[in-house]
Amino acid sequence: MTITRIVLLAAALALSGCGKPASTGSQELEAASRQLVPQDPEIAAIYARSCASCHTVAATRAPLTGDTAAWAPRMGKGMDVLVNSVVNGFGGMPPFGLCMDCDERQFEALIQFMANPGATP
């Protein structure tokens, strides 16, 4: 197997997703998710560099930012479970969700924003 094929295979596996497929109307949800940005500048910077690449692309199978239907069962598990999933990785999401320097407060703010962007202060 050539290096190129190995790299392509690794990329495909990385993009395989970390959840169920996006809700019905995923093209519209995907387009809408790309317009959402946290109001807090610190959280917005983290979101842009660590979360948006998966949570605004339906093909990754990560729950899209703002897709409250996809986030509802996850939020029902409780914040401690969700933060634990981020820290340890879950499905296709790598440990720490690509934010190795984030703390629990930042992870909670990111999760809250992605699950319900309109509720974020």
C-alpha atoms as a PDB file:
ATOM      1  CA  MET A   1       0.000   0.000   0.000  1.00  0.00           C
ATOM      2  CA  THR A   2       1.453   3.344  -0.977  1.00  0.00           C
ATOM      3  CA  ILE A   3       1.865   6.265   1.407  1.00  0.00           C
ATOM      4  CA  THR A   4      -0.838   8.172  -0.484  1.00  0.00           C
ATOM      5  CA  ARG A   5      -3.341   5.364   0.026  1.00  0.00           C
ATOM      6  CA  ILE A   6      -2.469   5.114   3.702  1.00  0.00           C
ATOM      7  CA  VAL A   7      -2.965   8.854   4.157  1.00  0.00           C
ATOM      8  CA  LEU A   8      -6.300   8.745   2.295  1.00  0.00           C
ATOM      9  CA  LEU A   9      -7.448   5.778   4.374  1.00  0.00           C
ATOM     10  CA  ALA A  10      -6.478   7.561   7.588  1.00  0.00           C
ATOM     11  CA  ALA A  11      -8.343  10.685   6.485  1.00  0.00           C
ATOM     12  CA  ALA A  12     -11.448   8.665   5.619  1.00  0.00           C
ATOM     13  CA  LEU A  13     -11.373   6.961   9.015  1.00  0.00           C
ATOM     14  CA  ALA A  14     -10.929  10.288  10.800  1.00  0.00           C
ATOM     15  CA  LEU A  15     -13.979  11.680   9.026  1.00  0.00           C
ATOM     16  CA  SER A  16     -16.101   8.609   9.673  1.00  0.00           C
ATOM     17  CA  GLY A  17     -17.961  10.472  12.393  1.00  0.00           C
ATOM     18  CA  CYS A  18     -18.819  10.203  16.010  1.00  0.00           C
ATOM     19  CA  GLY A  19     -22.553   9.736  16.057  1.00  0.00           C
ATOM     20  CA  LYS A  20     -25.746   9.024  14.250  1.00  0.00           C
ATOM     21  CA  PRO A  21     -26.444  10.578  10.877  1.00  0.00           C
ATOM     22  CA  ALA A  22     -27.734  14.135  10.945  1.00  0.00           C
ATOM     23  CA  SER A  23     -31.455  14.783  11.202  1.00  0.00           C
ATOM     24  CA  THR A  24     -33.735  15.059   8.196  1.00  0.00           C
ATOM     25  CA  GLY A  25     -32.960  18.142   6.132  1.00  0.00           C
ATOM     26  CA  SER A  26     -29.269  17.823   6.851  1.00  0.00           C
ATOM     27  CA  GLN A  27     -28.264  20.080   3.938  1.00  0.00           C
ATOM     28  CA  GLU A  28     -30.247  22.945   5.422  1.00  0.00           C
ATOM     29  CA  LEU A  29     -29.020  22.176   8.933  1.00  0.00           C
ATOM     30  CA  GLU A  30     -25.451  21.955   7.678  1.00  0.00           C
ATOM     31  CA  ALA A  31     -25.692  25.343   5.968  1.00  0.00           C
ATOM     32  CA  ALA A  32     -27.276  26.872   9.067  1.00  0.00           C
ATOM     33  CA  SER A  33     -24.644  25.353  11.374  1.00  0.00           C
ATOM     34  CA  ARG A  34     -21.881  27.077   9.415  1.00  0.00           C
ATOM     35  CA  GLN A  35     -23.403  30.475  10.221  1.00  0.00           C
ATOM     36  CA  LEU A  36     -23.409  29.958  13.987  1.00  0.00           C
ATOM     37  CA  VAL A  37     -20.617  31.408  16.118  1.00  0.00           C
ATOM     38  CA  PRO A  38     -20.366  31.597  19.910  1.00  0.00           C
ATOM     39  CA  GLN A  39     -20.732  35.120  21.279  1.00  0.00           C
ATOM     40  CA  ASP A  40     -17.850  34.726  23.733  1.00  0.00           C
ATOM     41  CA  PRO A  41     -14.630  35.467  21.775  1.00  0.00           C
ATOM     42  CA  GLU A  42     -12.589  32.861  23.680  1.00  0.00           C
ATOM     43  CA  ILE A  43     -15.150  30.102  23.056  1.00  0.00           C
ATOM     44  CA  ALA A  44     -15.584  31.269  19.439  1.00  0.00           C
ATOM     45  CA  ALA A  45     -11.841  30.885  18.809  1.00  0.00           C
ATOM     46  CA  ILE A  46     -11.805  27.382  20.303  1.00  0.00           C
ATOM     47  CA  TYR A  47     -14.929  26.411  18.367  1.00  0.00           C
ATOM     48  CA  ALA A  48     -13.413  27.630  15.092  1.00  0.00           C
ATOM     49  CA  ARG A  49     -10.175  25.712  15.529  1.00  0.00           C
ATOM     50  CA  SER A  50     -11.416  22.558  17.234  1.00  0.00           C
ATOM     51  CA  CYS A  51     -15.140  21.909  16.719  1.00  0.00           C
ATOM     52  CA  ALA A  52     -16.469  23.504  13.538  1.00  0.00           C
ATOM     53  CA  SER A  53     -14.565  21.231  11.159  1.00  0.00           C
ATOM     54  CA  CYS A  54     -16.763  18.300  12.194  1.00  0.00           C
ATOM     55  CA  HIS A  55     -19.861  19.861  13.754  1.00  0.00           C
ATOM     56  CA  THR A  56     -20.721  21.829  10.601  1.00  0.00           C
ATOM     57  CA  VAL A  57     -20.284  18.963   8.124  1.00  0.00           C
ATOM     58  CA  ALA A  58     -23.095  16.400   7.982  1.00  0.00           C
ATOM     59  CA  ALA A  59     -20.855  13.812   6.305  1.00  0.00           C
ATOM     60  CA  THR A  60     -18.785  13.501   9.499  1.00  0.00           C
ATOM     61  CA  ARG A  61     -21.895  12.213  11.273  1.00  0.00           C
ATOM     62  CA  ALA A  62     -21.075  14.435  14.244  1.00  0.00           C
ATOM     63  CA  PRO A  63     -24.154  16.218  15.597  1.00  0.00           C
ATOM     64  CA  LEU A  64     -24.403  19.505  13.742  1.00  0.00           C
ATOM     65  CA  THR A  65     -24.197  22.711  15.703  1.00  0.00           C
ATOM     66  CA  GLY A  66     -27.725  23.935  16.259  1.00  0.00           C
ATOM     67  CA  ASP A  67     -29.406  20.631  15.407  1.00  0.00           C
ATOM     68  CA  THR A  68     -31.412  20.460  18.612  1.00  0.00           C
ATOM     69  CA  ALA A  69     -33.036  17.153  17.602  1.00  0.00           C
ATOM     70  CA  ALA A  70     -29.633  15.469  17.256  1.00  0.00           C
ATOM     71  CA  TRP A  71     -28.336  17.024  20.460  1.00  0.00           C
ATOM     72  CA  ALA A  72     -31.397  16.311  22.654  1.00  0.00           C
ATOM     73  CA  PRO A  73     -30.631  12.647  23.431  1.00  0.00           C
ATOM     74  CA  ARG A  74     -26.994  13.529  24.042  1.00  0.00           C
ATOM     75  CA  MET A  75     -27.882  16.377  26.393  1.00  0.00           C
ATOM     76  CA  GLY A  76     -30.237  13.975  28.159  1.00  0.00           C
ATOM     77  CA  LYS A  77     -27.204  11.981  29.275  1.00  0.00           C
ATOM     78  CA  GLY A  78     -26.008  14.925  31.339  1.00  0.00           C
ATOM     79  CA  MET A  79     -23.100  17.310  31.029  1.00  0.00           C
ATOM     80  CA  ASP A  80     -20.698  15.109  33.015  1.00  0.00           C
ATOM     81  CA  VAL A  81     -21.173  12.256  30.525  1.00  0.00           C
ATOM     82  CA  LEU A  82     -20.733  14.592  27.549  1.00  0.00           C
ATOM     83  CA  VAL A  83     -17.575  16.201  28.916  1.00  0.00           C
ATOM     84  CA  ASN A  84     -16.213  12.732  29.682  1.00  0.00           C
ATOM     85  CA  SER A  85     -16.897  11.727  26.060  1.00  0.00           C
ATOM     86  CA  VAL A  86     -15.011  14.789  24.826  1.00  0.00           C
ATOM     87  CA  VAL A  87     -12.034  14.210  27.139  1.00  0.00           C
ATOM     88  CA  ASN A  88     -11.749  10.509  26.338  1.00  0.00           C
ATOM     89  CA  GLY A  89     -12.911  10.648  22.728  1.00  0.00           C
ATOM     90  CA  PHE A  90     -16.064   9.045  21.451  1.00  0.00           C
ATOM     91  CA  GLY A  91     -16.687   7.258  18.155  1.00  0.00           C
ATOM     92  CA  GLY A  92     -14.779   9.229  15.527  1.00  0.00           C
ATOM     93  CA  MET A  93     -14.116  12.188  17.836  1.00  0.00           C
ATOM     94  CA  PRO A  94     -10.526  12.216  19.076  1.00  0.00           C
ATOM     95  CA  PRO A  95      -9.725  12.714  22.761  1.00  0.00           C
ATOM     96  CA  PHE A  96     -10.172  16.317  23.866  1.00  0.00           C
ATOM     97  CA  GLY A  97     -12.067  17.011  20.620  1.00  0.00           C
ATOM     98  CA  LEU A  98      -8.864  18.484  19.143  1.00  0.00           C
ATOM     99  CA  CYS A  99      -8.533  21.000  22.004  1.00  0.00           C
ATOM    100  CA  MET A 100      -5.711  19.684  24.142  1.00  0.00           C
ATOM    101  CA  ASP A 101      -5.547  22.879  26.227  1.00  0.00           C
ATOM    102  CA  CYS A 102      -9.281  23.233  26.968  1.00  0.00           C
ATOM    103  CA  ASP A 103     -10.617  22.910  30.485  1.00  0.00           C
ATOM    104  CA  GLU A 104     -13.948  21.507  31.677  1.00  0.00           C
ATOM    105  CA  ARG A 105     -15.627  24.945  31.723  1.00  0.00           C
ATOM    106  CA  GLN A 106     -14.669  25.515  28.081  1.00  0.00           C
ATOM    107  CA  PHE A 107     -15.897  22.067  27.040  1.00  0.00           C
ATOM    108  CA  GLU A 108     -19.216  22.710  28.785  1.00  0.00           C
ATOM    109  CA  ALA A 109     -19.581  26.086  27.049  1.00  0.00           C
ATOM    110  CA  LEU A 110     -18.790  24.520  23.669  1.00  0.00           C
ATOM    111  CA  ILE A 111     -21.278  21.696  24.190  1.00  0.00           C
ATOM    112  CA  GLN A 112     -23.983  24.126  25.351  1.00  0.00           C
ATOM    113  CA  PHE A 113     -23.384  26.324  22.316  1.00  0.00           C
ATOM    114  CA  MET A 114     -23.458  23.457  19.810  1.00  0.00           C
ATOM    115  CA  ALA A 115     -26.563  21.913  21.384  1.00  0.00           C
ATOM    116  CA  ASN A 116     -28.525  25.138  21.618  1.00  0.00           C
ATOM    117  CA  PRO A 117     -26.772  28.200  20.164  1.00  0.00           C
ATOM    118  CA  GLY A 118     -29.720  30.491  20.872  1.00  0.00           C
ATOM    119  CA  ALA A 119     -29.519  29.835  24.608  1.00  0.00           C
ATOM    120  CA  THR A 120     -25.889  30.884  24.908  1.00  0.00           C
ATOM    121  CA  PRO A 121     -25.518  34.286  26.606  1.00  0.00           C
END
